[in-house]
Amino acid sequence: MEERPMPLTMVTPGEEVTLIRINGGRGVRSKLLSMGLIPGARIRVLSKNGAGPLLIVIKDTRLALGWGMACKILVKQ
């Protein structure tokens, strides 16, 4: 059975996931792509704080994403 993509905000801190796609307009996709968030990239969630920023690691780089932007990033285990 194939796993369904879930928003990055649903990932438990400490877990590593694979980016599947980014939902959103051209501006949002362009910004995230420029930060290295491309389909197939492995992302590890360091911490999340309710509606606050989500702290992630991608390729040895730490990024803080706003909750709304993180909701647009779909990932799978």
Protein backbone atom coordinates (compact mmCIF):
# COMPACT_ATOMS: atom_id res chain seq x y z
CA MET A 1 0.00 0.00 0.00
CA GLU A 2 1.39 3.37 -1.02
CA GLU A 3 1.82 6.04 1.63
CA ARG A 4 -0.17 9.22 1.22
CA PRO A 5 1.75 12.48 1.33
CA MET A 6 1.27 14.55 4.47
CA PRO A 7 2.09 18.18 5.29
CA LEU A 8 5.49 18.79 6.85
CA THR A 9 3.69 20.15 9.92
CA MET A 10 2.48 16.61 10.73
CA VAL A 11 6.00 15.19 11.08
CA THR A 12 7.21 14.40 14.58
CA PRO A 13 10.45 16.14 15.61
CA GLY A 14 13.41 13.83 15.04
CA GLU A 15 11.84 12.10 12.02
CA GLU A 16 13.35 12.24 8.55
CA VAL A 17 11.05 12.41 5.52
CA THR A 18 11.24 12.85 1.73
CA LEU A 19 9.79 15.91 0.04
CA ILE A 20 7.15 14.90 -2.53
CA ARG A 21 5.78 18.22 -3.78
CA ILE A 22 5.04 21.82 -2.85
CA ASN A 23 1.48 23.09 -3.06
CA GLY A 24 1.10 26.77 -3.65
CA GLY A 25 1.67 29.52 -6.13
CA ARG A 26 4.72 30.20 -8.22
CA GLY A 27 6.18 32.59 -5.64
CA VAL A 28 6.02 30.10 -2.77
CA ARG A 29 7.41 27.27 -4.89
CA SER A 30 10.21 29.46 -6.22
CA LYS A 31 11.22 30.61 -2.73
CA LEU A 32 11.28 27.07 -1.33
CA LEU A 33 13.13 25.68 -4.34
CA SER A 34 15.78 28.38 -3.94
CA MET A 35 16.26 27.21 -0.32
CA GLY A 36 17.00 23.67 -1.51
CA LEU A 37 13.55 22.23 -0.87
CA ILE A 38 13.23 20.20 -4.05
CA PRO A 39 11.27 16.99 -4.68
CA GLY A 40 13.26 14.00 -3.47
CA ALA A 41 15.17 15.98 -0.82
CA ARG A 42 15.48 14.39 2.63
CA ILE A 43 14.27 16.64 5.45
CA ARG A 44 14.70 16.13 9.19
CA VAL A 45 12.39 18.04 11.51
CA LEU A 46 14.27 19.38 14.53
CA SER A 47 11.43 21.10 16.34
CA LYS A 48 7.98 22.53 15.91
CA ASN A 49 6.01 24.86 18.09
CA GLY A 50 2.28 24.79 17.39
CA ALA A 51 1.64 27.66 15.02
CA GLY A 52 5.20 29.00 15.32
CA PRO A 53 8.20 28.27 13.12
CA LEU A 54 9.22 24.76 12.18
CA LEU A 55 12.97 24.13 12.42
CA ILE A 56 14.28 21.65 9.83
CA VAL A 57 17.60 20.35 8.52
CA ILE A 58 18.20 19.76 4.84
CA LYS A 59 21.70 18.87 3.60
CA ASP A 60 23.49 20.15 6.74
CA THR A 61 21.56 23.45 6.57
CA ARG A 62 19.09 24.52 9.25
CA LEU A 63 16.01 26.40 8.12
CA ALA A 64 13.12 27.96 10.02
CA LEU A 65 9.84 27.84 8.13
CA GLY A 66 6.64 29.61 9.02
CA TRP A 67 3.72 27.31 9.81
CA GLY A 68 1.71 28.36 6.74
CA MET A 69 4.62 27.70 4.40
CA ALA A 70 5.39 24.35 6.07
CA CYS A 71 1.76 23.29 5.48
CA LYS A 72 2.34 23.60 1.72
CA ILE A 73 5.26 21.13 1.77
CA LEU A 74 4.05 17.56 1.25
CA VAL A 75 6.29 14.72 2.40
CA LYS A 76 6.28 10.97 2.94
CA GLN A 77 8.17 8.64 5.25
